[in-house]
Amino acid sequence: MVAAERRLDAHQGAYAMARKMSRYPTEGGLTKELDDWWHKHCMFLSDECRTVFTTAFSDLSDLRLELRLADESRDRNEEVPIEQARRINKLSLGLSDAPKQILDGIRLPAMNADPFIEIAEASKDEG
């Protein structure tokens, strides 16, 4: 039971971290926080969740680079190239979709499911 609780906790944490990446992509210290969290919880995540999380983490790094380059262009009074603006938009959309992908990937029994009733029913059938 402890492993199931740890797994649920890890998925909840992945969701919270994905939301943080999508809402505050330029927040200072976020990369370290994400990296520390990942190393403590990655073994409890499903394969699908690990893929979504690592993709979002990579996209976050790419987005930060693109935003920095766009800022440098503006500092030189240059327009941001349209391809760069498209990359920023695509990366931002990917980050904003990550929390939903994590939620969609979690398969839990309904909250009204009573495991004790199911166990009792199974015992009757066996007995």
C-alpha atoms as a PDB file:
ATOM      1  CA  MET A   1       0.000   0.000   0.000  1.00  0.00           C
ATOM      2  CA  VAL A   2       2.888   2.354   0.729  1.00  0.00           C
ATOM      3  CA  ALA A   3       4.172   2.076  -2.859  1.00  0.00           C
ATOM      4  CA  ALA A   4       0.718   2.949  -4.225  1.00  0.00           C
ATOM      5  CA  GLU A   5       0.567   6.018  -1.987  1.00  0.00           C
ATOM      6  CA  ARG A   6       4.063   7.053  -3.045  1.00  0.00           C
ATOM      7  CA  ARG A   7       3.097   6.612  -6.676  1.00  0.00           C
ATOM      8  CA  LEU A   8      -0.037   8.729  -6.284  1.00  0.00           C
ATOM      9  CA  ASP A   9       1.977  11.355  -4.406  1.00  0.00           C
ATOM     10  CA  ALA A  10       4.612  11.390  -7.171  1.00  0.00           C
ATOM     11  CA  HIS A  11       1.951  11.884  -9.854  1.00  0.00           C
ATOM     12  CA  GLN A  12       0.363  14.694  -7.851  1.00  0.00           C
ATOM     13  CA  GLY A  13       3.801  16.275  -7.557  1.00  0.00           C
ATOM     14  CA  ALA A  14       4.440  15.877 -11.287  1.00  0.00           C
ATOM     15  CA  TYR A  15       1.162  17.658 -11.962  1.00  0.00           C
ATOM     16  CA  ALA A  16       2.106  20.501  -9.586  1.00  0.00           C
ATOM     17  CA  MET A  17       5.573  20.833 -11.132  1.00  0.00           C
ATOM     18  CA  ALA A  18       4.128  20.813 -14.667  1.00  0.00           C
ATOM     19  CA  ARG A  19       1.706  23.585 -13.692  1.00  0.00           C
ATOM     20  CA  LYS A  20       4.595  25.564 -12.255  1.00  0.00           C
ATOM     21  CA  MET A  21       6.574  25.152 -15.488  1.00  0.00           C
ATOM     22  CA  SER A  22       3.626  26.330 -17.558  1.00  0.00           C
ATOM     23  CA  ARG A  23       2.667  29.257 -15.338  1.00  0.00           C
ATOM     24  CA  TYR A  24       6.074  30.575 -14.249  1.00  0.00           C
ATOM     25  CA  PRO A  25       8.580  29.479 -16.909  1.00  0.00           C
ATOM     26  CA  THR A  26      11.099  32.217 -16.145  1.00  0.00           C
ATOM     27  CA  GLU A  27      10.987  31.932 -12.347  1.00  0.00           C
ATOM     28  CA  GLY A  28      14.454  31.933 -10.831  1.00  0.00           C
ATOM     29  CA  GLY A  29      15.447  28.707  -9.115  1.00  0.00           C
ATOM     30  CA  LEU A  30      12.781  26.680 -10.929  1.00  0.00           C
ATOM     31  CA  THR A  31      15.280  24.485 -12.780  1.00  0.00           C
ATOM     32  CA  LYS A  32      16.960  23.406  -9.560  1.00  0.00           C
ATOM     33  CA  GLU A  33      13.607  22.806  -7.872  1.00  0.00           C
ATOM     34  CA  LEU A  34      12.444  20.654 -10.791  1.00  0.00           C
ATOM     35  CA  ASP A  35      15.714  18.747 -10.941  1.00  0.00           C
ATOM     36  CA  ASP A  36      15.677  18.060  -7.190  1.00  0.00           C
ATOM     37  CA  TRP A  37      12.038  16.960  -7.336  1.00  0.00           C
ATOM     38  CA  TRP A  38      12.705  14.687 -10.328  1.00  0.00           C
ATOM     39  CA  HIS A  39      15.565  12.845  -8.604  1.00  0.00           C
ATOM     40  CA  LYS A  40      13.391  12.137  -5.555  1.00  0.00           C
ATOM     41  CA  HIS A  41      10.252  10.967  -7.409  1.00  0.00           C
ATOM     42  CA  CYS A  42      11.022   9.709 -10.928  1.00  0.00           C
ATOM     43  CA  MET A  43      10.990   6.021  -9.991  1.00  0.00           C
ATOM     44  CA  PHE A  44       7.368   6.238  -8.828  1.00  0.00           C
ATOM     45  CA  LEU A  45       6.054   7.800 -12.042  1.00  0.00           C
ATOM     46  CA  SER A  46       4.428   5.838 -14.842  1.00  0.00           C
ATOM     47  CA  ASP A  47       6.320   5.676 -18.134  1.00  0.00           C
ATOM     48  CA  GLU A  48       3.800   8.046 -19.704  1.00  0.00           C
ATOM     49  CA  CYS A  49       4.147  10.572 -16.909  1.00  0.00           C
ATOM     50  CA  ARG A  50       7.954  10.390 -17.039  1.00  0.00           C
ATOM     51  CA  THR A  51       7.853  11.108 -20.761  1.00  0.00           C
ATOM     52  CA  VAL A  52       5.484  14.062 -20.359  1.00  0.00           C
ATOM     53  CA  PHE A  53       7.548  15.483 -17.490  1.00  0.00           C
ATOM     54  CA  THR A  54      10.937  15.164 -19.196  1.00  0.00           C
ATOM     55  CA  THR A  55       9.556  16.615 -22.430  1.00  0.00           C
ATOM     56  CA  ALA A  56       8.124  19.576 -20.521  1.00  0.00           C
ATOM     57  CA  PHE A  57      11.422  20.048 -18.665  1.00  0.00           C
ATOM     58  CA  SER A  58      13.309  20.074 -21.979  1.00  0.00           C
ATOM     59  CA  ASP A  59      10.751  22.447 -23.525  1.00  0.00           C
ATOM     60  CA  LEU A  60      11.179  24.762 -20.533  1.00  0.00           C
ATOM     61  CA  SER A  61      14.904  24.997 -21.199  1.00  0.00           C
ATOM     62  CA  ASP A  62      14.296  25.639 -24.905  1.00  0.00           C
ATOM     63  CA  LEU A  63      11.644  28.259 -24.142  1.00  0.00           C
ATOM     64  CA  ARG A  64      13.971  30.120 -21.796  1.00  0.00           C
ATOM     65  CA  LEU A  65      16.639  30.221 -24.506  1.00  0.00           C
ATOM     66  CA  GLU A  66      14.177  31.480 -27.127  1.00  0.00           C
ATOM     67  CA  LEU A  67      12.853  34.157 -24.751  1.00  0.00           C
ATOM     68  CA  ARG A  68      16.392  35.308 -23.951  1.00  0.00           C
ATOM     69  CA  LEU A  69      17.234  35.536 -27.655  1.00  0.00           C
ATOM     70  CA  ALA A  70      14.004  37.469 -28.316  1.00  0.00           C
ATOM     71  CA  ASP A  71      14.882  39.883 -25.508  1.00  0.00           C
ATOM     72  CA  GLU A  72      18.337  40.398 -27.027  1.00  0.00           C
ATOM     73  CA  SER A  73      16.746  41.189 -30.392  1.00  0.00           C
ATOM     74  CA  ARG A  74      14.454  43.760 -28.786  1.00  0.00           C
ATOM     75  CA  ASP A  75      17.391  45.258 -26.873  1.00  0.00           C
ATOM     76  CA  ARG A  76      19.060  45.867 -30.242  1.00  0.00           C
ATOM     77  CA  ASN A  77      15.794  47.436 -31.488  1.00  0.00           C
ATOM     78  CA  GLU A  78      15.317  44.546 -33.885  1.00  0.00           C
ATOM     79  CA  GLU A  79      12.110  42.685 -34.543  1.00  0.00           C
ATOM     80  CA  VAL A  80      11.850  39.162 -33.227  1.00  0.00           C
ATOM     81  CA  PRO A  81      12.054  36.833 -36.245  1.00  0.00           C
ATOM     82  CA  ILE A  82       8.709  35.218 -37.045  1.00  0.00           C
ATOM     83  CA  GLU A  83      10.166  31.689 -36.803  1.00  0.00           C
ATOM     84  CA  GLN A  84      11.454  32.460 -33.332  1.00  0.00           C
ATOM     85  CA  ALA A  85       8.051  33.800 -32.282  1.00  0.00           C
ATOM     86  CA  ARG A  86       6.471  30.594 -33.607  1.00  0.00           C
ATOM     87  CA  ARG A  87       8.929  28.449 -31.635  1.00  0.00           C
ATOM     88  CA  ILE A  88       8.132  30.435 -28.474  1.00  0.00           C
ATOM     89  CA  ASN A  89       4.433  29.949 -29.077  1.00  0.00           C
ATOM     90  CA  LYS A  90       4.799  26.212 -29.753  1.00  0.00           C
ATOM     91  CA  LEU A  91       6.937  25.665 -26.648  1.00  0.00           C
ATOM     92  CA  SER A  92       4.528  27.695 -24.499  1.00  0.00           C
ATOM     93  CA  LEU A  93       1.570  25.672 -25.755  1.00  0.00           C
ATOM     94  CA  GLY A  94       3.398  22.419 -25.061  1.00  0.00           C
ATOM     95  CA  LEU A  95       4.153  23.505 -21.507  1.00  0.00           C
ATOM     96  CA  SER A  96       0.573  24.584 -20.901  1.00  0.00           C
ATOM     97  CA  ASP A  97      -0.674  21.170 -22.085  1.00  0.00           C
ATOM     98  CA  ALA A  98       1.654  19.118 -19.851  1.00  0.00           C
ATOM     99  CA  PRO A  99      -0.487  19.243 -16.672  1.00  0.00           C
ATOM    100  CA  LYS A 100      -3.525  17.958 -18.597  1.00  0.00           C
ATOM    101  CA  GLN A 101      -1.456  15.177 -20.158  1.00  0.00           C
ATOM    102  CA  ILE A 102      -0.319  14.096 -16.687  1.00  0.00           C
ATOM    103  CA  LEU A 103      -3.897  14.090 -15.405  1.00  0.00           C
ATOM    104  CA  ASP A 104      -5.090  12.144 -18.430  1.00  0.00           C
ATOM    105  CA  GLY A 105      -2.382   9.539 -17.860  1.00  0.00           C
ATOM    106  CA  ILE A 106      -3.353   8.696 -14.285  1.00  0.00           C
ATOM    107  CA  ARG A 107      -5.668   5.714 -13.949  1.00  0.00           C
ATOM    108  CA  LEU A 108      -7.266   5.518 -10.512  1.00  0.00           C
ATOM    109  CA  PRO A 109     -10.351   3.699  -9.275  1.00  0.00           C
ATOM    110  CA  ALA A 110     -13.436   5.836  -8.757  1.00  0.00           C
ATOM    111  CA  MET A 111     -13.594   7.560  -5.375  1.00  0.00           C
ATOM    112  CA  ASN A 112     -16.847   5.744  -4.580  1.00  0.00           C
ATOM    113  CA  ALA A 113     -15.269   2.335  -5.193  1.00  0.00           C
ATOM    114  CA  ASP A 114     -14.998   0.417  -1.934  1.00  0.00           C
ATOM    115  CA  PRO A 115     -12.136  -2.087  -2.053  1.00  0.00           C
ATOM    116  CA  PHE A 116     -13.445  -3.908   1.044  1.00  0.00           C
ATOM    117  CA  ILE A 117     -16.728  -4.686  -0.692  1.00  0.00           C
ATOM    118  CA  GLU A 118     -14.857  -5.939  -3.732  1.00  0.00           C
ATOM    119  CA  ILE A 119     -12.656  -8.161  -1.529  1.00  0.00           C
ATOM    120  CA  ALA A 120     -15.713  -9.503   0.330  1.00  0.00           C
ATOM    121  CA  GLU A 121     -17.470 -10.254  -2.969  1.00  0.00           C
ATOM    122  CA  ALA A 122     -14.405 -12.086  -4.244  1.00  0.00           C
ATOM    123  CA  SER A 123     -14.168 -14.098  -0.998  1.00  0.00           C
ATOM    124  CA  LYS A 124     -17.803 -15.196  -1.329  1.00  0.00           C
ATOM    125  CA  ASP A 125     -17.182 -16.408  -4.848  1.00  0.00           C
ATOM    126  CA  GLU A 126     -14.161 -18.430  -3.737  1.00  0.00           C
ATOM    127  CA  GLY A 127     -15.819 -19.879  -0.644  1.00  0.00           C
END
